[in-house]
Amino acid sequence: MKSILRYVLVAHTIFLFTQSALAGEFLSGTDGVVKFHEWTAWAIVGICAVQIAVAGLALRSGSASLWLLIGSVLVLLAEVLQTGTGYGRFLRVHLPLGVVLFGAVSWQLVSQFRKR
């Protein structure tokens, strides 16, 4: 179960990194990437839901901590807020929250590869 959780966390991190690249393209003047940015946002919310399920199973098997499960739920809530602020064009919240989300999920990823 731990290896599945690692794969999900890697995918989640890659999708979040892709979002920042798409946002950078959009902010530099390329309008065509907005749809991809939107689709990727919904994929990220879906990946996070999968992450919560896998983290719950990993917690039951002893290969993940309760903090990872709690953190995953909080990340999902933040990603839903992130999606809403994107649609509402509240960039003063949207951009910093994206940075925080990338840092949080990256930290979760690193924590699963550290030796205990």
PDB file of N, CA and C in Angstrom:
ATOM      1  N   MET A   1       0.826  -1.201   0.000  1.00  0.00           N
ATOM      2  CA  MET A   1       0.000   0.000   0.000  1.00  0.00           C
ATOM      3  C   MET A   1       0.861   1.253   0.000  1.00  0.00           C
ATOM      4  N   LYS A   2       2.031   1.161   0.650  1.00  0.00           N
ATOM      5  CA  LYS A   2       2.898   2.332   0.716  1.00  0.00           C
ATOM      6  C   LYS A   2       3.388   2.740  -0.674  1.00  0.00           C
ATOM      7  N   SER A   3       3.680   1.767  -1.535  1.00  0.00           N
ATOM      8  CA  SER A   3       4.159   2.115  -2.881  1.00  0.00           C
ATOM      9  C   SER A   3       3.054   2.769  -3.711  1.00  0.00           C
ATOM     10  N   ILE A   4       1.809   2.330  -3.538  1.00  0.00           N
ATOM     11  CA  ILE A   4       0.696   2.967  -4.252  1.00  0.00           C
ATOM     12  C   ILE A   4       0.542   4.404  -3.791  1.00  0.00           C
ATOM     13  N   LEU A   5       0.653   4.619  -2.481  1.00  0.00           N
ATOM     14  CA  LEU A   5       0.562   5.967  -1.932  1.00  0.00           C
ATOM     15  C   LEU A   5       1.681   6.845  -2.495  1.00  0.00           C
ATOM     16  N   ARG A   6       2.857   6.289  -2.628  1.00  0.00           N
ATOM     17  CA  ARG A   6       3.974   7.059  -3.203  1.00  0.00           C
ATOM     18  C   ARG A   6       3.682   7.447  -4.655  1.00  0.00           C
ATOM     19  N   TYR A   7       3.148   6.515  -5.436  1.00  0.00           N
ATOM     20  CA  TYR A   7       2.814   6.824  -6.828  1.00  0.00           C
ATOM     21  C   TYR A   7       1.760   7.923  -6.920  1.00  0.00           C
ATOM     22  N   VAL A   8       0.755   7.845  -6.062  1.00  0.00           N
ATOM     23  CA  VAL A   8      -0.300   8.865  -6.067  1.00  0.00           C
ATOM     24  C   VAL A   8       0.290  10.221  -5.691  1.00  0.00           C
ATOM     25  N   LEU A   9       1.167  10.251  -4.694  1.00  0.00           N
ATOM     26  CA  LEU A   9       1.785  11.511  -4.279  1.00  0.00           C
ATOM     27  C   LEU A   9       2.694  12.078  -5.370  1.00  0.00           C
ATOM     28  N   VAL A  10       3.413  11.217  -6.075  1.00  0.00           N
ATOM     29  CA  VAL A  10       4.243  11.679  -7.192  1.00  0.00           C
ATOM     30  C   VAL A  10       3.364  12.287  -8.276  1.00  0.00           C
ATOM     31  N   ALA A  11       2.275  11.610  -8.625  1.00  0.00           N
ATOM     32  CA  ALA A  11       1.359  12.133  -9.648  1.00  0.00           C
ATOM     33  C   ALA A  11       0.759  13.463  -9.204  1.00  0.00           C
ATOM     34  N   HIS A  12       0.359  13.554  -7.940  1.00  0.00           N
ATOM     35  CA  HIS A  12      -0.227  14.782  -7.402  1.00  0.00           C
ATOM     36  C   HIS A  12       0.774  15.933  -7.509  1.00  0.00           C
ATOM     37  N   THR A  13       2.010  15.682  -7.142  1.00  0.00           N
ATOM     38  CA  THR A  13       3.050  16.707  -7.200  1.00  0.00           C
ATOM     39  C   THR A  13       3.324  17.133  -8.641  1.00  0.00           C
ATOM     40  N   ILE A  14       3.384  16.175  -9.554  1.00  0.00           N
ATOM     41  CA  ILE A  14       3.634  16.493 -10.967  1.00  0.00           C
ATOM     42  C   ILE A  14       2.499  17.336 -11.537  1.00  0.00           C
ATOM     43  N   PHE A  15       1.261  16.988 -11.203  1.00  0.00           N
ATOM     44  CA  PHE A  15       0.132  17.775 -11.692  1.00  0.00           C
ATOM     45  C   PHE A  15       0.162  19.190 -11.131  1.00  0.00           C
ATOM     46  N   LEU A  16       0.525  19.342  -9.858  1.00  0.00           N
ATOM     47  CA  LEU A  16       0.621  20.683  -9.281  1.00  0.00           C
ATOM     48  C   LEU A  16       1.730  21.492  -9.948  1.00  0.00           C
ATOM     49  N   PHE A  17       2.845  20.840 -10.242  1.00  0.00           N
ATOM     50  CA  PHE A  17       3.929  21.530 -10.938  1.00  0.00           C
ATOM     51  C   PHE A  17       3.485  21.947 -12.342  1.00  0.00           C
ATOM     52  N   THR A  18       2.747  21.072 -13.014  1.00  0.00           N
ATOM     53  CA  THR A  18       2.219  21.387 -14.334  1.00  0.00           C
ATOM     54  C   THR A  18       1.302  22.605 -14.272  1.00  0.00           C
ATOM     55  N   GLN A  19       0.498  22.694 -13.210  1.00  0.00           N
ATOM     56  CA  GLN A  19      -0.379  23.853 -13.044  1.00  0.00           C
ATOM     57  C   GLN A  19       0.415  25.147 -12.999  1.00  0.00           C
ATOM     58  N   SER A  20       1.527  25.137 -12.289  1.00  0.00           N
ATOM     59  CA  SER A  20       2.327  26.368 -12.206  1.00  0.00           C
ATOM     60  C   SER A  20       2.911  26.727 -13.565  1.00  0.00           C
ATOM     61  N   ALA A  21       3.303  25.730 -14.338  1.00  0.00           N
ATOM     62  CA  ALA A  21       3.828  26.001 -15.678  1.00  0.00           C
ATOM     63  C   ALA A  21       2.733  26.567 -16.580  1.00  0.00           C
ATOM     64  N   LEU A  22       1.537  25.995 -16.498  1.00  0.00           N
ATOM     65  CA  LEU A  22       0.422  26.512 -17.300  1.00  0.00           C
ATOM     66  C   LEU A  22       0.041  27.920 -16.868  1.00  0.00           C
ATOM     67  N   ALA A  23       0.066  28.177 -15.567  1.00  0.00           N
ATOM     68  CA  ALA A  23      -0.237  29.526 -15.066  1.00  0.00           C
ATOM     69  C   ALA A  23       0.804  30.523 -15.557  1.00  0.00           C
ATOM     70  N   GLY A  24       2.052  30.122 -15.549  1.00  0.00           N
ATOM     71  CA  GLY A  24       3.108  31.001 -16.044  1.00  0.00           C
ATOM     72  C   GLY A  24       2.926  31.333 -17.515  1.00  0.00           C
ATOM     73  N   GLU A  25       2.539  30.333 -18.301  1.00  0.00           N
ATOM     74  CA  GLU A  25       2.269  30.578 -19.722  1.00  0.00           C
ATOM     75  C   GLU A  25       1.116  31.564 -19.892  1.00  0.00           C
ATOM     76  N   PHE A  26       0.054  31.367 -19.097  1.00  0.00           N
ATOM     77  CA  PHE A  26      -1.098  32.248 -19.192  1.00  0.00           C
ATOM     78  C   PHE A  26      -0.734  33.670 -18.787  1.00  0.00           C
ATOM     79  N   LEU A  27      -0.004  33.811 -17.704  1.00  0.00           N
ATOM     80  CA  LEU A  27       0.375  35.147 -17.232  1.00  0.00           C
ATOM     81  C   LEU A  27       1.351  35.840 -18.178  1.00  0.00           C
ATOM     82  N   SER A  28       2.064  35.046 -18.990  1.00  0.00           N
ATOM     83  CA  SER A  28       2.979  35.659 -19.953  1.00  0.00           C
ATOM     84  C   SER A  28       2.286  36.022 -21.263  1.00  0.00           C
ATOM     85  N   GLY A  29       0.968  35.727 -21.354  1.00  0.00           N
ATOM     86  CA  GLY A  29       0.221  36.183 -22.521  1.00  0.00           C
ATOM     87  C   GLY A  29      -0.330  35.104 -23.420  1.00  0.00           C
ATOM     88  N   THR A  30      -0.095  33.839 -23.131  1.00  0.00           N
ATOM     89  CA  THR A  30      -0.620  32.758 -23.955  1.00  0.00           C
ATOM     90  C   THR A  30      -2.007  32.379 -23.446  1.00  0.00           C
ATOM     91  N   ASP A  31      -3.048  32.762 -24.183  1.00  0.00           N
ATOM     92  CA  ASP A  31      -4.418  32.537 -23.726  1.00  0.00           C
ATOM     93  C   ASP A  31      -4.897  31.098 -23.896  1.00  0.00           C
ATOM     94  N   GLY A  32      -4.306  30.373 -24.819  1.00  0.00           N
ATOM     95  CA  GLY A  32      -4.793  29.032 -25.134  1.00  0.00           C
ATOM     96  C   GLY A  32      -4.621  28.005 -24.038  1.00  0.00           C
ATOM     97  N   VAL A  33      -3.807  28.287 -23.042  1.00  0.00           N
ATOM     98  CA  VAL A  33      -3.547  27.298 -21.998  1.00  0.00           C
ATOM     99  C   VAL A  33      -4.566  27.339 -20.871  1.00  0.00           C
ATOM    100  N   VAL A  34      -5.480  28.289 -20.903  1.00  0.00           N
ATOM    101  CA  VAL A  34      -6.445  28.437 -19.804  1.00  0.00           C
ATOM    102  C   VAL A  34      -7.304  27.190 -19.665  1.00  0.00           C
ATOM    103  N   LYS A  35      -7.752  26.604 -20.770  1.00  0.00           N
ATOM    104  CA  LYS A  35      -8.573  25.392 -20.703  1.00  0.00           C
ATOM    105  C   LYS A  35      -7.788  24.233 -20.097  1.00  0.00           C
ATOM    106  N   PHE A  36      -6.515  24.095 -20.477  1.00  0.00           N
ATOM    107  CA  PHE A  36      -5.689  23.040 -19.897  1.00  0.00           C
ATOM    108  C   PHE A  36      -5.491  23.266 -18.403  1.00  0.00           C
ATOM    109  N   HIS A  37      -5.335  24.513 -18.009  1.00  0.00           N
ATOM    110  CA  HIS A  37      -5.195  24.872 -16.594  1.00  0.00           C
ATOM    111  C   HIS A  37      -6.468  24.465 -15.837  1.00  0.00           C
ATOM    112  N   GLU A  38      -7.623  24.700 -16.445  1.00  0.00           N
ATOM    113  CA  GLU A  38      -8.892  24.324 -15.820  1.00  0.00           C
ATOM    114  C   GLU A  38      -9.015  22.801 -15.712  1.00  0.00           C
ATOM    115  N   TRP A  39      -8.745  22.088 -16.779  1.00  0.00           N
ATOM    116  CA  TRP A  39      -8.851  20.625 -16.758  1.00  0.00           C
ATOM    117  C   TRP A  39      -7.883  20.012 -15.746  1.00  0.00           C
ATOM    118  N   THR A  40      -6.674  20.560 -15.694  1.00  0.00           N
ATOM    119  CA  THR A  40      -5.682  20.059 -14.752  1.00  0.00           C
ATOM    120  C   THR A  40      -6.135  20.315 -13.316  1.00  0.00           C
ATOM    121  N   ALA A  41      -6.808  21.428 -13.074  1.00  0.00           N
ATOM    122  CA  ALA A  41      -7.315  21.717 -11.729  1.00  0.00           C
ATOM    123  C   ALA A  41      -8.294  20.635 -11.281  1.00  0.00           C
ATOM    124  N   TRP A  42      -9.196  20.238 -12.157  1.00  0.00           N
ATOM    125  CA  TRP A  42     -10.154  19.199 -11.792  1.00  0.00           C
ATOM    126  C   TRP A  42      -9.472  17.839 -11.635  1.00  0.00           C
ATOM    127  N   ALA A  43      -8.454  17.581 -12.438  1.00  0.00           N
ATOM    128  CA  ALA A  43      -7.699  16.334 -12.286  1.00  0.00           C
ATOM    129  C   ALA A  43      -6.985  16.305 -10.936  1.00  0.00           C
ATOM    130  N   ILE A  44      -6.461  17.450 -10.513  1.00  0.00           N
ATOM    131  CA  ILE A  44      -5.777  17.537  -9.217  1.00  0.00           C
ATOM    132  C   ILE A  44      -6.738  17.258  -8.074  1.00  0.00           C
ATOM    133  N   VAL A  45      -7.942  17.803  -8.146  1.00  0.00           N
ATOM    134  CA  VAL A  45      -8.947  17.527  -7.105  1.00  0.00           C
ATOM    135  C   VAL A  45      -9.260  16.027  -7.077  1.00  0.00           C
ATOM    136  N   GLY A  46      -9.370  15.412  -8.237  1.00  0.00           N
ATOM    137  CA  GLY A  46      -9.616  13.972  -8.305  1.00  0.00           C
ATOM    138  C   GLY A  46      -8.469  13.152  -7.740  1.00  0.00           C
ATOM    139  N   ILE A  47      -7.243  13.543  -8.083  1.00  0.00           N
ATOM    140  CA  ILE A  47      -6.072  12.839  -7.557  1.00  0.00           C
ATOM    141  C   ILE A  47      -6.027  12.961  -6.038  1.00  0.00           C
ATOM    142  N   CYS A  48      -6.389  14.110  -5.521  1.00  0.00           N
ATOM    143  CA  CYS A  48      -6.376  14.294  -4.072  1.00  0.00           C
ATOM    144  C   CYS A  48      -7.417  13.404  -3.400  1.00  0.00           C
ATOM    145  N   ALA A  49      -8.576  13.241  -4.034  1.00  0.00           N
ATOM    146  CA  ALA A  49      -9.590  12.335  -3.484  1.00  0.00           C
ATOM    147  C   ALA A  49      -9.056  10.898  -3.443  1.00  0.00           C
ATOM    148  N   VAL A  50      -8.363  10.500  -4.497  1.00  0.00           N
ATOM    149  CA  VAL A  50      -7.732   9.179  -4.518  1.00  0.00           C
ATOM    150  C   VAL A  50      -6.670   9.093  -3.429  1.00  0.00           C
ATOM    151  N   GLN A  51      -5.903  10.164  -3.252  1.00  0.00           N
ATOM    152  CA  GLN A  51      -4.867  10.198  -2.222  1.00  0.00           C
ATOM    153  C   GLN A  51      -5.474   9.980  -0.839  1.00  0.00           C
ATOM    154  N   ILE A  52      -6.618  10.591  -0.572  1.00  0.00           N
ATOM    155  CA  ILE A  52      -7.271  10.420   0.725  1.00  0.00           C
ATOM    156  C   ILE A  52      -7.673   8.964   0.920  1.00  0.00           C
ATOM    157  N   ALA A  53      -8.240   8.346  -0.105  1.00  0.00           N
ATOM    158  CA  ALA A  53      -8.645   6.944  -0.003  1.00  0.00           C
ATOM    159  C   ALA A  53      -7.447   6.036   0.243  1.00  0.00           C
ATOM    160  N   VAL A  54      -6.383   6.253  -0.517  1.00  0.00           N
ATOM    161  CA  VAL A  54      -5.188   5.413  -0.372  1.00  0.00           C
ATOM    162  C   VAL A  54      -4.509   5.673   0.973  1.00  0.00           C
ATOM    163  N   ALA A  55      -4.484   6.916   1.417  1.00  0.00           N
ATOM    164  CA  ALA A  55      -3.890   7.227   2.725  1.00  0.00           C
ATOM    165  C   ALA A  55      -4.692   6.574   3.844  1.00  0.00           C
ATOM    166  N   GLY A  56      -6.018   6.528   3.702  1.00  0.00           N
ATOM    167  CA  GLY A  56      -6.837   5.841   4.698  1.00  0.00           C
ATOM    168  C   GLY A  56      -6.535   4.357   4.752  1.00  0.00           C
ATOM    169  N   LEU A  57      -6.384   3.731   3.590  1.00  0.00           N
ATOM    170  CA  LEU A  57      -6.028   2.309   3.558  1.00  0.00           C
ATOM    171  C   LEU A  57      -4.624   2.076   4.099  1.00  0.00           C
ATOM    172  N   ALA A  58      -3.705   2.981   3.764  1.00  0.00           N
ATOM    173  CA  ALA A  58      -2.327   2.851   4.261  1.00  0.00           C
ATOM    174  C   ALA A  58      -2.278   3.047   5.773  1.00  0.00           C
ATOM    175  N   LEU A  59      -3.125   3.902   6.290  1.00  0.00           N
ATOM    176  CA  LEU A  59      -3.200   4.095   7.746  1.00  0.00           C
ATOM    177  C   LEU A  59      -3.660   2.817   8.423  1.00  0.00           C
ATOM    178  N   ARG A  60      -4.632   2.158   7.841  1.00  0.00           N
ATOM    179  CA  ARG A  60      -5.129   0.902   8.421  1.00  0.00           C
ATOM    180  C   ARG A  60      -4.073  -0.187   8.398  1.00  0.00           C
ATOM    181  N   SER A  61      -3.215  -0.178   7.368  1.00  0.00           N
ATOM    182  CA  SER A  61      -2.167  -1.206   7.282  1.00  0.00           C
ATOM    183  C   SER A  61      -0.905  -0.801   8.037  1.00  0.00           C
ATOM    184  N   GLY A  62      -0.874   0.417   8.556  1.00  0.00           N
ATOM    185  CA  GLY A  62       0.272   0.859   9.341  1.00  0.00           C
ATOM    186  C   GLY A  62       1.393   1.485   8.539  1.00  0.00           C
ATOM    187  N   SER A  63       1.188   1.732   7.245  1.00  0.00           N
ATOM    188  CA  SER A  63       2.255   2.296   6.415  1.00  0.00           C
ATOM    189  C   SER A  63       2.118   3.799   6.198  1.00  0.00           C
ATOM    190  N   ALA A  64       1.146   4.421   6.850  1.00  0.00           N
ATOM    191  CA  ALA A  64       0.996   5.880   6.780  1.00  0.00           C
ATOM    192  C   ALA A  64       0.519   6.370   8.145  1.00  0.00           C
ATOM    193  N   SER A  65       0.723   7.650   8.370  1.00  0.00           N
ATOM    194  CA  SER A  65       0.327   8.219   9.655  1.00  0.00           C
ATOM    195  C   SER A  65      -1.034   8.899   9.554  1.00  0.00           C
ATOM    196  N   LEU A  66      -1.623   9.121  10.700  1.00  0.00           N
ATOM    197  CA  LEU A  66      -2.884   9.851  10.758  1.00  0.00           C
ATOM    198  C   LEU A  66      -2.694  11.269  10.233  1.00  0.00           C
ATOM    199  N   TRP A  67      -1.507  11.838  10.466  1.00  0.00           N
ATOM    200  CA  TRP A  67      -1.234  13.205  10.007  1.00  0.00           C
ATOM    201  C   TRP A  67      -1.269  13.314   8.487  1.00  0.00           C
ATOM    202  N   LEU A  68      -0.838  12.270   7.805  1.00  0.00           N
ATOM    203  CA  LEU A  68      -0.909  12.296   6.346  1.00  0.00           C
ATOM    204  C   LEU A  68      -2.365  12.314   5.890  1.00  0.00           C
ATOM    205  N   LEU A  69      -3.200  11.532   6.530  1.00  0.00           N
ATOM    206  CA  LEU A  69      -4.620  11.511   6.173  1.00  0.00           C
ATOM    207  C   LEU A  69      -5.272  12.862   6.462  1.00  0.00           C
ATOM    208  N   ILE A  70      -5.008  13.425   7.627  1.00  0.00           N
ATOM    209  CA  ILE A  70      -5.566  14.732   7.982  1.00  0.00           C
ATOM    210  C   ILE A  70      -5.059  15.797   7.009  1.00  0.00           C
ATOM    211  N   GLY A  71      -3.754  15.768   6.736  1.00  0.00           N
ATOM    212  CA  GLY A  71      -3.170  16.726   5.797  1.00  0.00           C
ATOM    213  C   GLY A  71      -3.759  16.596   4.408  1.00  0.00           C
ATOM    214  N   SER A  72      -4.038  15.378   3.974  1.00  0.00           N
ATOM    215  CA  SER A  72      -4.624  15.159   2.651  1.00  0.00           C
ATOM    216  C   SER A  72      -6.034  15.741   2.569  1.00  0.00           C
ATOM    217  N   VAL A  73      -6.800  15.595   3.636  1.00  0.00           N
ATOM    218  CA  VAL A  73      -8.144  16.175   3.667  1.00  0.00           C
ATOM    219  C   VAL A  73      -8.059  17.704   3.609  1.00  0.00           C
ATOM    220  N   LEU A  74      -7.113  18.277   4.369  1.00  0.00           N
ATOM    221  CA  LEU A  74      -6.943  19.732   4.353  1.00  0.00           C
ATOM    222  C   LEU A  74      -6.481  20.221   2.983  1.00  0.00           C
ATOM    223  N   VAL A  75      -5.612  19.452   2.335  1.00  0.00           N
ATOM    224  CA  VAL A  75      -5.169  19.809   0.985  1.00  0.00           C
ATOM    225  C   VAL A  75      -6.345  19.776   0.020  1.00  0.00           C
ATOM    226  N   LEU A  76      -7.228  18.770   0.145  1.00  0.00           N
ATOM    227  CA  LEU A  76      -8.402  18.715  -0.727  1.00  0.00           C
ATOM    228  C   LEU A  76      -9.275  19.953  -0.533  1.00  0.00           C
ATOM    229  N   LEU A  77      -9.508  20.340   0.703  1.00  0.00           N
ATOM    230  CA  LEU A  77     -10.306  21.538   0.963  1.00  0.00           C
ATOM    231  C   LEU A  77      -9.642  22.772   0.346  1.00  0.00           C
ATOM    232  N   ALA A  78      -8.331  22.869   0.480  1.00  0.00           N
ATOM    233  CA  ALA A  78      -7.597  24.008  -0.090  1.00  0.00           C
ATOM    234  C   ALA A  78      -7.649  23.976  -1.618  1.00  0.00           C
ATOM    235  N   GLU A  79      -7.614  22.775  -2.203  1.00  0.00           N
ATOM    236  CA  GLU A  79      -7.675  22.684  -3.667  1.00  0.00           C
ATOM    237  C   GLU A  79      -9.057  23.064  -4.198  1.00  0.00           C
ATOM    238  N   VAL A  80     -10.095  22.732  -3.457  1.00  0.00           N
ATOM    239  CA  VAL A  80     -11.435  23.165  -3.855  1.00  0.00           C
ATOM    240  C   VAL A  80     -11.521  24.691  -3.766  1.00  0.00           C
ATOM    241  N   LEU A  81     -10.968  25.270  -2.700  1.00  0.00           N
ATOM    242  CA  LEU A  81     -10.902  26.731  -2.585  1.00  0.00           C
ATOM    243  C   LEU A  81     -10.080  27.316  -3.723  1.00  0.00           C
ATOM    244  N   GLN A  82      -8.990  26.661  -4.050  1.00  0.00           N
ATOM    245  CA  GLN A  82      -8.119  27.110  -5.134  1.00  0.00           C
ATOM    246  C   GLN A  82      -8.877  27.130  -6.466  1.00  0.00           C
ATOM    247  N   THR A  83      -9.643  26.098  -6.721  1.00  0.00           N
ATOM    248  CA  THR A  83     -10.424  26.044  -7.951  1.00  0.00           C
ATOM    249  C   THR A  83     -11.461  27.172  -7.984  1.00  0.00           C
ATOM    250  N   GLY A  84     -12.128  27.388  -6.871  1.00  0.00           N
ATOM    251  CA  GLY A  84     -13.117  28.463  -6.801  1.00  0.00           C
ATOM    252  C   GLY A  84     -12.513  29.837  -6.989  1.00  0.00           C
ATOM    253  N   THR A  85     -11.354  30.076  -6.387  1.00  0.00           N
ATOM    254  CA  THR A  85     -10.712  31.387  -6.559  1.00  0.00           C
ATOM    255  C   THR A  85     -10.189  31.564  -7.973  1.00  0.00           C
ATOM    256  N   GLY A  86      -9.868  30.461  -8.640  1.00  0.00           N
ATOM    257  CA  GLY A  86      -9.467  30.556 -10.044  1.00  0.00           C
ATOM    258  C   GLY A  86     -10.623  30.976 -10.928  1.00  0.00           C
ATOM    259  N   TYR A  87     -11.767  30.335 -10.732  1.00  0.00           N
ATOM    260  CA  TYR A  87     -12.952  30.722 -11.505  1.00  0.00           C
ATOM    261  C   TYR A  87     -13.372  32.151 -11.198  1.00  0.00           C
ATOM    262  N   GLY A  88     -13.211  32.560  -9.935  1.00  0.00           N
ATOM    263  CA  GLY A  88     -13.593  33.918  -9.543  1.00  0.00           C
ATOM    264  C   GLY A  88     -12.540  34.966  -9.862  1.00  0.00           C
ATOM    265  N   ARG A  89     -11.392  34.525 -10.363  1.00  0.00           N
ATOM    266  CA  ARG A  89     -10.285  35.411 -10.716  1.00  0.00           C
ATOM    267  C   ARG A  89      -9.766  36.208  -9.510  1.00  0.00           C
ATOM    268  N   PHE A  90      -9.792  35.582  -8.345  1.00  0.00           N
ATOM    269  CA  PHE A  90      -9.232  36.204  -7.133  1.00  0.00           C
ATOM    270  C   PHE A  90      -7.750  35.845  -7.050  1.00  0.00           C
ATOM    271  N   LEU A  91      -6.948  36.501  -7.881  1.00  0.00           N
ATOM    272  CA  LEU A  91      -5.540  36.131  -8.004  1.00  0.00           C
ATOM    273  C   LEU A  91      -4.736  36.409  -6.741  1.00  0.00           C
ATOM    274  N   ARG A  92      -5.195  37.346  -5.915  1.00  0.00           N
ATOM    275  CA  ARG A  92      -4.485  37.626  -4.662  1.00  0.00           C
ATOM    276  C   ARG A  92      -4.548  36.442  -3.701  1.00  0.00           C
ATOM    277  N   VAL A  93      -5.533  35.588  -3.864  1.00  0.00           N
ATOM    278  CA  VAL A  93      -5.633  34.358  -3.079  1.00  0.00           C
ATOM    279  C   VAL A  93      -5.126  33.179  -3.904  1.00  0.00           C
ATOM    280  N   HIS A  94      -5.493  33.148  -5.163  1.00  0.00           N
ATOM    281  CA  HIS A  94      -5.222  32.008  -6.040  1.00  0.00           C
ATOM    282  C   HIS A  94      -3.724  31.709  -6.187  1.00  0.00           C
ATOM    283  N   LEU A  95      -2.932  32.728  -6.449  1.00  0.00           N
ATOM    284  CA  LEU A  95      -1.503  32.489  -6.681  1.00  0.00           C
ATOM    285  C   LEU A  95      -0.758  32.045  -5.414  1.00  0.00           C
ATOM    286  N   PRO A  96      -0.890  32.755  -4.285  1.00  0.00           N
ATOM    287  CA  PRO A  96      -0.171  32.281  -3.087  1.00  0.00           C
ATOM    288  C   PRO A  96      -0.677  30.916  -2.600  1.00  0.00           C
ATOM    289  N   LEU A  97      -1.977  30.667  -2.730  1.00  0.00           N
ATOM    290  CA  LEU A  97      -2.504  29.373  -2.306  1.00  0.00           C
ATOM    291  C   LEU A  97      -1.925  28.250  -3.161  1.00  0.00           C
ATOM    292  N   GLY A  98      -1.705  28.516  -4.429  1.00  0.00           N
ATOM    293  CA  GLY A  98      -1.068  27.518  -5.293  1.00  0.00           C
ATOM    294  C   GLY A  98       0.337  27.183  -4.831  1.00  0.00           C
ATOM    295  N   VAL A  99       1.071  28.187  -4.398  1.00  0.00           N
ATOM    296  CA  VAL A  99       2.429  27.961  -3.883  1.00  0.00           C
ATOM    297  C   VAL A  99       2.374  27.126  -2.604  1.00  0.00           C
ATOM    298  N   VAL A 100       1.446  27.469  -1.721  1.00  0.00           N
ATOM    299  CA  VAL A 100       1.296  26.725  -0.464  1.00  0.00           C
ATOM    300  C   VAL A 100       0.907  25.273  -0.747  1.00  0.00           C
ATOM    301  N   LEU A 101       0.000  25.062  -1.682  1.00  0.00           N
ATOM    302  CA  LEU A 101      -0.411  23.698  -2.022  1.00  0.00           C
ATOM    303  C   LEU A 101       0.744  22.879  -2.582  1.00  0.00           C
ATOM    304  N   PHE A 102       1.529  23.474  -3.462  1.00  0.00           N
ATOM    305  CA  PHE A 102       2.676  22.744  -4.009  1.00  0.00           C
ATOM    306  C   PHE A 102       3.649  22.379  -2.889  1.00  0.00           C
ATOM    307  N   GLY A 103       3.891  23.306  -1.977  1.00  0.00           N
ATOM    308  CA  GLY A 103       4.780  23.019  -0.852  1.00  0.00           C
ATOM    309  C   GLY A 103       4.232  21.935   0.053  1.00  0.00           C
ATOM    310  N   ALA A 104       2.936  21.964   0.332  1.00  0.00           N
ATOM    311  CA  ALA A 104       2.329  20.979   1.232  1.00  0.00           C
ATOM    312  C   ALA A 104       2.380  19.571   0.638  1.00  0.00           C
ATOM    313  N   VAL A 105       2.018  19.453  -0.630  1.00  0.00           N
ATOM    314  CA  VAL A 105       2.018  18.127  -1.253  1.00  0.00           C
ATOM    315  C   VAL A 105       3.448  17.633  -1.462  1.00  0.00           C
ATOM    316  N   SER A 106       4.368  18.532  -1.769  1.00  0.00           N
ATOM    317  CA  SER A 106       5.777  18.138  -1.882  1.00  0.00           C
ATOM    318  C   SER A 106       6.288  17.629  -0.543  1.00  0.00           C
ATOM    319  N   TRP A 107       5.899  18.287   0.531  1.00  0.00           N
ATOM    320  CA  TRP A 107       6.309  17.840   1.865  1.00  0.00           C
ATOM    321  C   TRP A 107       5.714  16.461   2.167  1.00  0.00           C
ATOM    322  N   GLN A 108       4.458  16.237   1.791  1.00  0.00           N
ATOM    323  CA  GLN A 108       3.854  14.921   1.990  1.00  0.00           C
ATOM    324  C   GLN A 108       4.606  13.854   1.204  1.00  0.00           C
ATOM    325  N   LEU A 109       4.995  14.191  -0.016  1.00  0.00           N
ATOM    326  CA  LEU A 109       5.750  13.252  -0.847  1.00  0.00           C
ATOM    327  C   LEU A 109       7.088  12.909  -0.199  1.00  0.00           C
ATOM    328  N   VAL A 110       7.821  13.920   0.222  1.00  0.00           N
ATOM    329  CA  VAL A 110       9.126  13.686   0.851  1.00  0.00           C
ATOM    330  C   VAL A 110       8.962  12.859   2.123  1.00  0.00           C
ATOM    331  N   SER A 111       7.916  13.120   2.887  1.00  0.00           N
ATOM    332  CA  SER A 111       7.719  12.389   4.140  1.00  0.00           C
ATOM    333  C   SER A 111       7.479  10.896   3.900  1.00  0.00           C
ATOM    334  N   GLN A 112       6.926  10.542   2.753  1.00  0.00           N
ATOM    335  CA  GLN A 112       6.695   9.133   2.469  1.00  0.00           C
ATOM    336  C   GLN A 112       7.939   8.410   1.973  1.00  0.00           C
ATOM    337  N   PHE A 113       8.955   9.151   1.557  1.00  0.00           N
ATOM    338  CA  PHE A 113      10.194   8.520   1.112  1.00  0.00           C
ATOM    339  C   PHE A 113      11.288   8.532   2.172  1.00  0.00           C
ATOM    340  N   ARG A 114      11.053   9.233   3.267  1.00  0.00           N
ATOM    341  CA  ARG A 114      12.046   9.259   4.351  1.00  0.00           C
ATOM    342  C   ARG A 114      12.011   7.948   5.120  1.00  0.00           C
ATOM    343  N   LYS A 115      13.175   7.552   5.605  1.00  0.00           N
ATOM    344  CA  LYS A 115      13.244   6.357   6.455  1.00  0.00           C
ATOM    345  C   LYS A 115      12.802   6.723   7.842  1.00  0.00           C
ATOM    346  N   ARG A 116      12.108   5.832   8.482  1.00  0.00           N
ATOM    347  CA  ARG A 116      11.627   6.100   9.835  1.00  0.00           C
ATOM    348  C   ARG A 116      12.526   5.473  10.856  1.00  0.00           C
TER     349      ARG A 116
END
